[in-house]
């Protein structure tokens, strides 16, 4: 058990703490709840961590550094957060890590740089999960849970300090495309192929084969010619299907599979028995919301 100079009973509710680092793991655009929460809690238990038990969002940053308002005179709240950073024996190259599971029904505000380039920020309303590796500041707010003497921490805001990138479930990284001069308008989404059985009973398209990422007409069989007049349109379609069966739609990663994979990555950072493995009881901040932070200007 780690020894801390500041306990949860010594901090004051209603204070903000800013901690900056690279995003290592996050579920911020939705709540972890229901069957997903039950599965998540079971995985935490299996990894030697305390289950959360309530709907929540979560974030882990690496190379985490508290942004002290006055480095020569840190507040108890800043010290409290700084002391609860931890090193990962499995990944020492990530430096100090910090994690928070923020309970409650409210999602944190995500602020991204304004495209105007004037130093202001816009609220991200894309509904997408932020990508790993982004330079972010977590804005934490202290509060006092009902029926508890100790104070807790809630994740109020996430400030993104660079052009946002988003988690891409098995697709192509848009940054990679942009580096090659290919810029897509909007967010690309996979489209499920229509099964052959649902297509109209008519002559099908020419079958194709893929080689080195390019499509070419598929070679046709060299059997003796068959009189077309002797075949109906249905027979023609069936013959075409026999040459090149329609490929099955690609399997997309489900939300549960995505969370399980990300939590496994997060567990490799947290490690069983770390200070974050037994988080202080947390919950929603019950005020109407924090005032705008100094130095951060929102548009909208």
C-alpha atoms as a PDB file:
ATOM      1  CA  UNK A   1       0.000   0.000   0.000  1.00  0.00           C
ATOM      2  CA  UNK A   2       1.470   3.348  -1.050  1.00  0.00           C
ATOM      3  CA  UNK A   3       2.027   6.024   1.577  1.00  0.00           C
ATOM      4  CA  UNK A   4       0.483   9.373   0.660  1.00  0.00           C
ATOM      5  CA  UNK A   5       1.063  12.716   2.356  1.00  0.00           C
ATOM      6  CA  UNK A   6      -2.434  13.936   1.360  1.00  0.00           C
ATOM      7  CA  UNK A   7      -5.516  11.818   2.066  1.00  0.00           C
ATOM      8  CA  UNK A   8      -8.971  12.114   0.505  1.00  0.00           C
ATOM      9  CA  UNK A   9     -10.302  13.664   3.703  1.00  0.00           C
ATOM     10  CA  UNK A  10      -7.813  16.546   3.453  1.00  0.00           C
ATOM     11  CA  UNK A  11      -8.876  17.908   0.092  1.00  0.00           C
ATOM     12  CA  UNK A  12     -11.646  20.445  -0.432  1.00  0.00           C
ATOM     13  CA  UNK A  13     -14.635  19.976  -2.708  1.00  0.00           C
ATOM     14  CA  UNK A  14     -15.125  22.334  -5.634  1.00  0.00           C
ATOM     15  CA  UNK A  15     -11.456  22.569  -6.631  1.00  0.00           C
ATOM     16  CA  UNK A  16     -10.025  21.963 -10.098  1.00  0.00           C
ATOM     17  CA  UNK A  17      -6.838  20.052 -10.911  1.00  0.00           C
ATOM     18  CA  UNK A  18      -5.233  20.007 -14.367  1.00  0.00           C
ATOM     19  CA  UNK A  19      -3.071  17.031 -15.359  1.00  0.00           C
ATOM     20  CA  UNK A  20      -1.522  16.725 -18.825  1.00  0.00           C
ATOM     21  CA  UNK A  21      -0.145  13.775 -20.758  1.00  0.00           C
ATOM     22  CA  UNK A  22      -0.588  11.506 -23.767  1.00  0.00           C
ATOM     23  CA  UNK A  23      -3.880   9.657 -23.994  1.00  0.00           C
ATOM     24  CA  UNK A  24      -3.266   5.954 -23.425  1.00  0.00           C
ATOM     25  CA  UNK A  25      -6.823   4.659 -23.082  1.00  0.00           C
ATOM     26  CA  UNK A  26     -10.254   6.276 -22.904  1.00  0.00           C
ATOM     27  CA  UNK A  27     -13.985   5.748 -23.166  1.00  0.00           C
ATOM     28  CA  UNK A  28     -15.348   9.299 -23.100  1.00  0.00           C
ATOM     29  CA  UNK A  29     -18.044   9.523 -25.780  1.00  0.00           C
ATOM     30  CA  UNK A  30     -20.473   7.179 -24.019  1.00  0.00           C
ATOM     31  CA  UNK A  31     -21.079   5.540 -20.656  1.00  0.00           C
ATOM     32  CA  UNK A  32     -19.870   2.080 -19.773  1.00  0.00           C
ATOM     33  CA  UNK A  33     -23.093   0.579 -18.419  1.00  0.00           C
ATOM     34  CA  UNK A  34     -25.476  -2.389 -18.490  1.00  0.00           C
ATOM     35  CA  UNK A  35     -24.122  -5.694 -19.736  1.00  0.00           C
ATOM     36  CA  UNK A  36     -20.971  -3.921 -20.838  1.00  0.00           C
ATOM     37  CA  UNK A  37     -20.409  -2.663 -17.287  1.00  0.00           C
ATOM     38  CA  UNK A  38     -20.938  -6.157 -15.867  1.00  0.00           C
ATOM     39  CA  UNK A  39     -18.406  -7.599 -18.313  1.00  0.00           C
ATOM     40  CA  UNK A  40     -15.985  -4.749 -17.574  1.00  0.00           C
ATOM     41  CA  UNK A  41     -16.256  -5.278 -13.823  1.00  0.00           C
ATOM     42  CA  UNK A  42     -15.619  -8.983 -14.262  1.00  0.00           C
ATOM     43  CA  UNK A  43     -12.506  -8.263 -16.280  1.00  0.00           C
ATOM     44  CA  UNK A  44     -11.291  -5.828 -13.615  1.00  0.00           C
ATOM     45  CA  UNK A  45     -11.839  -8.474 -10.938  1.00  0.00           C
ATOM     46  CA  UNK A  46      -9.946 -11.013 -13.018  1.00  0.00           C
ATOM     47  CA  UNK A  47      -7.071  -8.513 -13.285  1.00  0.00           C
ATOM     48  CA  UNK A  48      -6.962  -8.005  -9.514  1.00  0.00           C
ATOM     49  CA  UNK A  49      -8.656  -4.582  -9.590  1.00  0.00           C
ATOM     50  CA  UNK A  50     -11.740  -3.312  -7.771  1.00  0.00           C
ATOM     51  CA  UNK A  51     -14.909  -3.301  -9.921  1.00  0.00           C
ATOM     52  CA  UNK A  52     -16.529   0.094 -10.529  1.00  0.00           C
ATOM     53  CA  UNK A  53     -20.137  -1.049 -10.120  1.00  0.00           C
ATOM     54  CA  UNK A  54     -21.768   2.051 -11.650  1.00  0.00           C
ATOM     55  CA  UNK A  55     -22.034   3.626 -15.119  1.00  0.00           C
ATOM     56  CA  UNK A  56     -18.884   5.625 -15.797  1.00  0.00           C
ATOM     57  CA  UNK A  57     -16.391   7.024 -18.257  1.00  0.00           C
ATOM     58  CA  UNK A  58     -12.692   6.278 -18.010  1.00  0.00           C
ATOM     59  CA  UNK A  59      -9.360   7.722 -19.101  1.00  0.00           C
ATOM     60  CA  UNK A  60      -5.683   6.870 -18.672  1.00  0.00           C
ATOM     61  CA  UNK A  61      -2.843   9.185 -19.656  1.00  0.00           C
ATOM     62  CA  UNK A  62       0.861   8.395 -19.801  1.00  0.00           C
ATOM     63  CA  UNK A  63       3.781  10.759 -19.119  1.00  0.00           C
ATOM     64  CA  UNK A  64       1.307  12.488 -16.796  1.00  0.00           C
ATOM     65  CA  UNK A  65       2.278  15.803 -15.182  1.00  0.00           C
ATOM     66  CA  UNK A  66       0.096  17.933 -12.906  1.00  0.00           C
ATOM     67  CA  UNK A  67      -0.107  21.517 -14.153  1.00  0.00           C
ATOM     68  CA  UNK A  68       0.463  23.371 -10.876  1.00  0.00           C
ATOM     69  CA  UNK A  69      -1.056  26.845 -10.640  1.00  0.00           C
ATOM     70  CA  UNK A  70       1.975  27.770  -8.505  1.00  0.00           C
ATOM     71  CA  UNK A  71       4.757  25.158  -8.685  1.00  0.00           C
ATOM     72  CA  UNK A  72       6.335  26.627  -5.549  1.00  0.00           C
ATOM     73  CA  UNK A  73       3.116  26.315  -3.582  1.00  0.00           C
ATOM     74  CA  UNK A  74       1.036  23.330  -4.803  1.00  0.00           C
ATOM     75  CA  UNK A  75      -2.468  22.986  -3.444  1.00  0.00           C
ATOM     76  CA  UNK A  76      -3.490  19.901  -1.423  1.00  0.00           C
ATOM     77  CA  UNK A  77      -5.700  18.859  -4.336  1.00  0.00           C
ATOM     78  CA  UNK A  78      -2.824  19.088  -6.814  1.00  0.00           C
ATOM     79  CA  UNK A  79      -0.594  17.106  -4.463  1.00  0.00           C
ATOM     80  CA  UNK A  80      -3.340  14.524  -3.991  1.00  0.00           C
ATOM     81  CA  UNK A  81      -3.550  13.900  -7.753  1.00  0.00           C
ATOM     82  CA  UNK A  82       0.212  14.044  -8.315  1.00  0.00           C
ATOM     83  CA  UNK A  83       0.842  11.410  -5.627  1.00  0.00           C
ATOM     84  CA  UNK A  84      -1.599   9.040  -7.268  1.00  0.00           C
ATOM     85  CA  UNK A  85       0.315   8.788 -10.484  1.00  0.00           C
ATOM     86  CA  UNK A  86       1.976   5.414 -10.893  1.00  0.00           C
ATOM     87  CA  UNK A  87       4.692   3.704 -12.903  1.00  0.00           C
ATOM     88  CA  UNK A  88       3.995   0.621 -14.985  1.00  0.00           C
ATOM     89  CA  UNK A  89       6.576  -2.132 -14.396  1.00  0.00           C
ATOM     90  CA  UNK A  90       5.469  -3.718 -17.662  1.00  0.00           C
ATOM     91  CA  UNK A  91       5.845  -0.479 -19.621  1.00  0.00           C
ATOM     92  CA  UNK A  92       8.406   1.746 -17.902  1.00  0.00           C
ATOM     93  CA  UNK A  93       8.825   3.776 -21.083  1.00  0.00           C
ATOM     94  CA  UNK A  94       5.372   5.329 -20.483  1.00  0.00           C
ATOM     95  CA  UNK A  95       6.633   7.254 -17.441  1.00  0.00           C
ATOM     96  CA  UNK A  96       4.139   8.326 -14.771  1.00  0.00           C
ATOM     97  CA  UNK A  97       0.609   7.135 -15.554  1.00  0.00           C
ATOM     98  CA  UNK A  98      -2.662   8.541 -14.232  1.00  0.00           C
ATOM     99  CA  UNK A  99      -6.113   6.941 -14.484  1.00  0.00           C
ATOM    100  CA  UNK A 100      -9.596   7.993 -13.485  1.00  0.00           C
ATOM    101  CA  UNK A 101     -12.940   6.175 -13.592  1.00  0.00           C
ATOM    102  CA  UNK A 102     -15.533   8.945 -13.384  1.00  0.00           C
ATOM    103  CA  UNK A 103     -18.940   7.705 -12.236  1.00  0.00           C
ATOM    104  CA  UNK A 104     -22.170   9.424 -13.183  1.00  0.00           C
ATOM    105  CA  UNK A 105     -24.554  10.012 -16.070  1.00  0.00           C
ATOM    106  CA  UNK A 106     -22.761  13.057 -17.532  1.00  0.00           C
ATOM    107  CA  UNK A 107     -20.097  12.793 -20.197  1.00  0.00           C
ATOM    108  CA  UNK A 108     -17.047  15.052 -19.899  1.00  0.00           C
ATOM    109  CA  UNK A 109     -16.780  18.088 -22.160  1.00  0.00           C
ATOM    110  CA  UNK A 110     -14.160  17.543 -24.868  1.00  0.00           C
ATOM    111  CA  UNK A 111     -12.553  20.735 -26.174  1.00  0.00           C
ATOM    112  CA  UNK A 112     -10.580  20.786 -29.428  1.00  0.00           C
ATOM    113  CA  UNK A 113      -8.595  23.599 -31.082  1.00  0.00           C
ATOM    114  CA  UNK A 114     -10.748  25.873 -33.212  1.00  0.00           C
ATOM    115  CA  UNK A 115     -10.085  25.579 -36.961  1.00  0.00           C
ATOM    116  CA  UNK A 116      -9.770  29.389 -36.949  1.00  0.00           C
ATOM    117  CA  UNK A 117      -6.312  28.936 -35.471  1.00  0.00           C
ATOM    118  CA  UNK A 118      -6.846  31.821 -33.060  1.00  0.00           C
ATOM    119  CA  UNK A 119      -6.015  29.867 -29.900  1.00  0.00           C
ATOM    120  CA  UNK A 120      -9.635  29.303 -28.903  1.00  0.00           C
ATOM    121  CA  UNK A 121     -11.370  25.963 -28.480  1.00  0.00           C
ATOM    122  CA  UNK A 122     -14.590  24.419 -29.771  1.00  0.00           C
ATOM    123  CA  UNK A 123     -16.566  21.680 -28.060  1.00  0.00           C
ATOM    124  CA  UNK A 124     -16.162  18.363 -29.872  1.00  0.00           C
ATOM    125  CA  UNK A 125     -19.630  17.049 -30.665  1.00  0.00           C
ATOM    126  CA  UNK A 126     -18.541  14.309 -33.070  1.00  0.00           C
ATOM    127  CA  UNK A 127     -19.532  11.537 -30.658  1.00  0.00           C
ATOM    128  CA  UNK A 128     -16.317   9.678 -31.500  1.00  0.00           C
ATOM    129  CA  UNK A 129     -13.688   8.302 -29.142  1.00  0.00           C
ATOM    130  CA  UNK A 130     -10.381  10.144 -29.107  1.00  0.00           C
ATOM    131  CA  UNK A 131      -7.364   8.285 -30.472  1.00  0.00           C
ATOM    132  CA  UNK A 132      -4.491   7.077 -28.340  1.00  0.00           C
ATOM    133  CA  UNK A 133      -1.391   9.269 -28.259  1.00  0.00           C
ATOM    134  CA  UNK A 134      -3.181  12.631 -28.315  1.00  0.00           C
ATOM    135  CA  UNK A 135      -1.715  15.419 -26.168  1.00  0.00           C
ATOM    136  CA  UNK A 136      -4.501  16.135 -23.667  1.00  0.00           C
ATOM    137  CA  UNK A 137      -5.186  17.767 -20.312  1.00  0.00           C
ATOM    138  CA  UNK A 138      -7.689  16.133 -17.984  1.00  0.00           C
ATOM    139  CA  UNK A 139      -9.609  18.678 -15.912  1.00  0.00           C
ATOM    140  CA  UNK A 140     -10.571  17.045 -12.618  1.00  0.00           C
ATOM    141  CA  UNK A 141     -12.993  18.479 -10.088  1.00  0.00           C
ATOM    142  CA  UNK A 142     -13.143  17.500  -6.430  1.00  0.00           C
ATOM    143  CA  UNK A 143     -16.491  16.820  -4.771  1.00  0.00           C
ATOM    144  CA  UNK A 144     -17.945  15.240  -1.648  1.00  0.00           C
ATOM    145  CA  UNK A 145     -20.093  12.152  -2.252  1.00  0.00           C
ATOM    146  CA  UNK A 146     -23.264  11.861  -0.214  1.00  0.00           C
ATOM    147  CA  UNK A 147     -22.886   9.820   2.974  1.00  0.00           C
ATOM    148  CA  UNK A 148     -19.065   9.793   2.684  1.00  0.00           C
ATOM    149  CA  UNK A 149     -16.513  11.837   4.587  1.00  0.00           C
ATOM    150  CA  UNK A 150     -13.833  11.520   1.920  1.00  0.00           C
ATOM    151  CA  UNK A 151     -13.787  13.610  -1.226  1.00  0.00           C
ATOM    152  CA  UNK A 152     -13.735  12.190  -4.722  1.00  0.00           C
ATOM    153  CA  UNK A 153     -12.625  13.243  -8.194  1.00  0.00           C
ATOM    154  CA  UNK A 154     -14.757  13.608 -11.321  1.00  0.00           C
ATOM    155  CA  UNK A 155     -13.526  14.065 -14.878  1.00  0.00           C
ATOM    156  CA  UNK A 156     -15.133  17.328 -15.984  1.00  0.00           C
ATOM    157  CA  UNK A 157     -13.301  18.201 -19.191  1.00  0.00           C
ATOM    158  CA  UNK A 158     -10.717  16.895 -21.637  1.00  0.00           C
ATOM    159  CA  UNK A 159      -8.708  19.591 -23.417  1.00  0.00           C
ATOM    160  CA  UNK A 160      -7.079  18.406 -26.672  1.00  0.00           C
ATOM    161  CA  UNK A 161      -3.909  20.359 -27.533  1.00  0.00           C
ATOM    162  CA  UNK A 162      -3.599  19.279 -31.160  1.00  0.00           C
ATOM    163  CA  UNK A 163      -5.750  18.512 -34.173  1.00  0.00           C
ATOM    164  CA  UNK A 164      -8.029  15.721 -32.933  1.00  0.00           C
ATOM    165  CA  UNK A 165      -7.702  12.176 -34.170  1.00  0.00           C
ATOM    166  CA  UNK A 166     -10.260   9.509 -33.462  1.00  0.00           C
ATOM    167  CA  UNK A 167     -10.219   5.850 -32.575  1.00  0.00           C
ATOM    168  CA  UNK A 168     -10.628   3.791 -35.739  1.00  0.00           C
ATOM    169  CA  UNK A 169     -11.931   0.245 -35.258  1.00  0.00           C
ATOM    170  CA  UNK A 170      -9.866  -1.747 -37.694  1.00  0.00           C
ATOM    171  CA  UNK A 171      -9.905   0.814 -40.508  1.00  0.00           C
ATOM    172  CA  UNK A 172      -7.236   2.970 -42.120  1.00  0.00           C
ATOM    173  CA  UNK A 173      -5.755   5.765 -40.026  1.00  0.00           C
ATOM    174  CA  UNK A 174      -6.902   9.007 -41.649  1.00  0.00           C
ATOM    175  CA  UNK A 175      -3.601  10.635 -40.671  1.00  0.00           C
ATOM    176  CA  UNK A 176      -1.831   8.067 -42.847  1.00  0.00           C
ATOM    177  CA  UNK A 177      -4.048   8.990 -45.780  1.00  0.00           C
ATOM    178  CA  UNK A 178      -3.502  12.703 -45.192  1.00  0.00           C
ATOM    179  CA  UNK A 179       0.273  12.152 -45.192  1.00  0.00           C
ATOM    180  CA  UNK A 180      -0.140  10.790 -48.715  1.00  0.00           C
ATOM    181  CA  UNK A 181      -2.216  13.723 -49.896  1.00  0.00           C
ATOM    182  CA  UNK A 182      -5.576  11.956 -49.529  1.00  0.00           C
ATOM    183  CA  UNK A 183      -8.051  13.948 -47.426  1.00  0.00           C
ATOM    184  CA  UNK A 184     -11.582  12.642 -46.884  1.00  0.00           C
ATOM    185  CA  UNK A 185     -14.476  14.994 -46.166  1.00  0.00           C
ATOM    186  CA  UNK A 186     -16.385  13.704 -43.155  1.00  0.00           C
ATOM    187  CA  UNK A 187     -15.855  10.488 -41.252  1.00  0.00           C
ATOM    188  CA  UNK A 188     -15.731   7.342 -43.389  1.00  0.00           C
ATOM    189  CA  UNK A 189     -17.937   4.434 -42.311  1.00  0.00           C
ATOM    190  CA  UNK A 190     -17.902   0.873 -43.548  1.00  0.00           C
ATOM    191  CA  UNK A 191     -20.925  -0.140 -45.638  1.00  0.00           C
ATOM    192  CA  UNK A 192     -22.204  -3.702 -45.420  1.00  0.00           C
ATOM    193  CA  UNK A 193     -22.286  -5.528 -48.752  1.00  0.00           C
ATOM    194  CA  UNK A 194     -25.666  -6.681 -50.029  1.00  0.00           C
ATOM    195  CA  UNK A 195     -25.858 -10.515 -49.985  1.00  0.00           C
ATOM    196  CA  UNK A 196     -26.168 -12.100 -53.412  1.00  0.00           C
ATOM    197  CA  UNK A 197     -29.466 -13.701 -52.387  1.00  0.00           C
ATOM    198  CA  UNK A 198     -30.993 -10.243 -51.897  1.00  0.00           C
ATOM    199  CA  UNK A 199     -29.991  -8.981 -55.348  1.00  0.00           C
ATOM    200  CA  UNK A 200     -32.517  -8.960 -58.252  1.00  0.00           C
ATOM    201  CA  UNK A 201     -32.562 -12.132 -60.359  1.00  0.00           C
ATOM    202  CA  UNK A 202     -30.770 -10.667 -63.379  1.00  0.00           C
ATOM    203  CA  UNK A 203     -27.464 -10.952 -65.182  1.00  0.00           C
ATOM    204  CA  UNK A 204     -24.799 -10.222 -62.541  1.00  0.00           C
ATOM    205  CA  UNK A 205     -21.749  -7.977 -62.921  1.00  0.00           C
ATOM    206  CA  UNK A 206     -18.477  -9.268 -64.252  1.00  0.00           C
ATOM    207  CA  UNK A 207     -16.592 -11.006 -61.454  1.00  0.00           C
ATOM    208  CA  UNK A 208     -13.364  -9.358 -60.308  1.00  0.00           C
ATOM    209  CA  UNK A 209     -10.186 -10.371 -58.586  1.00  0.00           C
ATOM    210  CA  UNK A 210      -7.946  -8.182 -56.417  1.00  0.00           C
ATOM    211  CA  UNK A 211      -4.199  -8.059 -56.878  1.00  0.00           C
ATOM    212  CA  UNK A 212      -1.955  -5.592 -55.003  1.00  0.00           C
ATOM    213  CA  UNK A 213      -4.986  -3.539 -54.005  1.00  0.00           C
ATOM    214  CA  UNK A 214      -6.255  -3.106 -57.596  1.00  0.00           C
ATOM    215  CA  UNK A 215      -9.299  -4.759 -59.140  1.00  0.00           C
ATOM    216  CA  UNK A 216      -9.114  -6.572 -62.473  1.00  0.00           C
ATOM    217  CA  UNK A 217     -11.698  -8.607 -64.409  1.00  0.00           C
ATOM    218  CA  UNK A 218     -11.563 -12.175 -63.212  1.00  0.00           C
ATOM    219  CA  UNK A 219     -10.364 -14.729 -65.798  1.00  0.00           C
ATOM    220  CA  UNK A 220     -13.284 -16.556 -67.337  1.00  0.00           C
ATOM    221  CA  UNK A 221     -13.314 -20.360 -67.737  1.00  0.00           C
ATOM    222  CA  UNK A 222     -12.066 -21.654 -71.077  1.00  0.00           C
ATOM    223  CA  UNK A 223     -14.791 -24.274 -71.513  1.00  0.00           C
ATOM    224  CA  UNK A 224     -16.660 -24.654 -74.775  1.00  0.00           C
ATOM    225  CA  UNK A 225     -19.068 -21.828 -75.668  1.00  0.00           C
ATOM    226  CA  UNK A 226     -22.579 -22.204 -74.400  1.00  0.00           C
ATOM    227  CA  UNK A 227     -25.512 -20.880 -76.333  1.00  0.00           C
ATOM    228  CA  UNK A 228     -26.875 -17.897 -74.433  1.00  0.00           C
ATOM    229  CA  UNK A 229     -30.274 -18.351 -75.920  1.00  0.00           C
ATOM    230  CA  UNK A 230     -30.558 -21.679 -74.158  1.00  0.00           C
ATOM    231  CA  UNK A 231     -30.224 -20.049 -70.727  1.00  0.00           C
ATOM    232  CA  UNK A 232     -32.744 -17.987 -68.837  1.00  0.00           C
ATOM    233  CA  UNK A 233     -31.689 -14.767 -66.996  1.00  0.00           C
ATOM    234  CA  UNK A 234     -31.890 -16.692 -63.715  1.00  0.00           C
ATOM    235  CA  UNK A 235     -29.591 -19.412 -65.078  1.00  0.00           C
ATOM    236  CA  UNK A 236     -27.179 -16.735 -66.334  1.00  0.00           C
ATOM    237  CA  UNK A 237     -27.065 -15.087 -62.898  1.00  0.00           C
ATOM    238  CA  UNK A 238     -26.507 -18.446 -61.217  1.00  0.00           C
ATOM    239  CA  UNK A 239     -23.700 -19.258 -63.643  1.00  0.00           C
ATOM    240  CA  UNK A 240     -22.027 -15.921 -62.893  1.00  0.00           C
ATOM    241  CA  UNK A 241     -22.387 -16.531 -59.161  1.00  0.00           C
ATOM    242  CA  UNK A 242     -20.754 -19.932 -59.600  1.00  0.00           C
ATOM    243  CA  UNK A 243     -17.714 -18.241 -61.161  1.00  0.00           C
ATOM    244  CA  UNK A 244     -17.201 -15.754 -58.314  1.00  0.00           C
ATOM    245  CA  UNK A 245     -19.229 -16.210 -55.103  1.00  0.00           C
ATOM    246  CA  UNK A 246     -20.065 -12.973 -53.339  1.00  0.00           C
ATOM    247  CA  UNK A 247     -17.636 -12.414 -50.452  1.00  0.00           C
ATOM    248  CA  UNK A 248     -19.057 -12.447 -46.943  1.00  0.00           C
ATOM    249  CA  UNK A 249     -19.282  -9.010 -45.277  1.00  0.00           C
ATOM    250  CA  UNK A 250     -16.220  -8.157 -43.183  1.00  0.00           C
ATOM    251  CA  UNK A 251     -16.720  -8.773 -39.492  1.00  0.00           C
ATOM    252  CA  UNK A 252     -16.761  -5.459 -37.610  1.00  0.00           C
ATOM    253  CA  UNK A 253     -15.449  -5.133 -34.082  1.00  0.00           C
ATOM    254  CA  UNK A 254     -18.377  -4.965 -31.651  1.00  0.00           C
ATOM    255  CA  UNK A 255     -18.502  -2.407 -28.853  1.00  0.00           C
ATOM    256  CA  UNK A 256     -17.947  -5.146 -26.286  1.00  0.00           C
ATOM    257  CA  UNK A 257     -14.967  -6.504 -28.203  1.00  0.00           C
ATOM    258  CA  UNK A 258     -13.575  -2.998 -28.545  1.00  0.00           C
ATOM    259  CA  UNK A 259     -13.910  -2.287 -24.823  1.00  0.00           C
ATOM    260  CA  UNK A 260     -12.407  -5.650 -23.887  1.00  0.00           C
ATOM    261  CA  UNK A 261      -9.409  -4.966 -26.105  1.00  0.00           C
ATOM    262  CA  UNK A 262      -8.935  -1.417 -24.793  1.00  0.00           C
ATOM    263  CA  UNK A 263      -9.336  -2.529 -21.176  1.00  0.00           C
ATOM    264  CA  UNK A 264      -6.709  -5.192 -21.731  1.00  0.00           C
ATOM    265  CA  UNK A 265      -4.390  -2.432 -22.946  1.00  0.00           C
ATOM    266  CA  UNK A 266      -5.365  -0.308 -19.962  1.00  0.00           C
ATOM    267  CA  UNK A 267      -4.707  -3.183 -17.565  1.00  0.00           C
ATOM    268  CA  UNK A 268      -1.179  -3.414 -18.948  1.00  0.00           C
ATOM    269  CA  UNK A 269      -0.708   0.207 -17.868  1.00  0.00           C
ATOM    270  CA  UNK A 270      -2.490   0.082 -14.519  1.00  0.00           C
ATOM    271  CA  UNK A 271      -1.201  -3.296 -13.321  1.00  0.00           C
ATOM    272  CA  UNK A 272      -2.838  -5.151 -10.449  1.00  0.00           C
ATOM    273  CA  UNK A 273      -2.066  -3.707  -7.087  1.00  0.00           C
ATOM    274  CA  UNK A 274      -1.249  -0.197  -8.311  1.00  0.00           C
ATOM    275  CA  UNK A 275      -2.533   2.839  -6.492  1.00  0.00           C
ATOM    276  CA  UNK A 276      -5.165   3.236  -9.189  1.00  0.00           C
ATOM    277  CA  UNK A 277      -6.337  -0.325  -8.714  1.00  0.00           C
ATOM    278  CA  UNK A 278      -8.249   0.865  -5.641  1.00  0.00           C
ATOM    279  CA  UNK A 279      -9.612   4.255  -6.683  1.00  0.00           C
ATOM    280  CA  UNK A 280     -11.215   6.654  -4.221  1.00  0.00           C
ATOM    281  CA  UNK A 281     -14.978   6.394  -4.426  1.00  0.00           C
ATOM    282  CA  UNK A 282     -16.076   8.727  -7.184  1.00  0.00           C
ATOM    283  CA  UNK A 283     -19.344  10.027  -8.540  1.00  0.00           C
ATOM    284  CA  UNK A 284     -20.965  12.870 -10.502  1.00  0.00           C
ATOM    285  CA  UNK A 285     -20.338  16.462  -9.581  1.00  0.00           C
ATOM    286  CA  UNK A 286     -23.776  17.739  -8.628  1.00  0.00           C
ATOM    287  CA  UNK A 287     -23.333  21.410  -9.488  1.00  0.00           C
ATOM    288  CA  UNK A 288     -24.566  22.847 -12.749  1.00  0.00           C
ATOM    289  CA  UNK A 289     -21.007  22.689 -14.097  1.00  0.00           C
ATOM    290  CA  UNK A 290     -17.630  24.339 -13.646  1.00  0.00           C
ATOM    291  CA  UNK A 291     -16.899  27.893 -14.668  1.00  0.00           C
ATOM    292  CA  UNK A 292     -14.837  28.438 -17.800  1.00  0.00           C
ATOM    293  CA  UNK A 293     -11.187  27.784 -17.008  1.00  0.00           C
ATOM    294  CA  UNK A 294      -8.593  30.524 -17.197  1.00  0.00           C
ATOM    295  CA  UNK A 295      -6.697  30.516 -20.469  1.00  0.00           C
ATOM    296  CA  UNK A 296      -9.255  28.310 -22.246  1.00  0.00           C
ATOM    297  CA  UNK A 297     -11.797  30.106 -24.431  1.00  0.00           C
ATOM    298  CA  UNK A 298     -14.700  28.217 -25.993  1.00  0.00           C
ATOM    299  CA  UNK A 299     -16.543  29.205 -29.129  1.00  0.00           C
ATOM    300  CA  UNK A 300     -20.212  28.447 -29.471  1.00  0.00           C
END
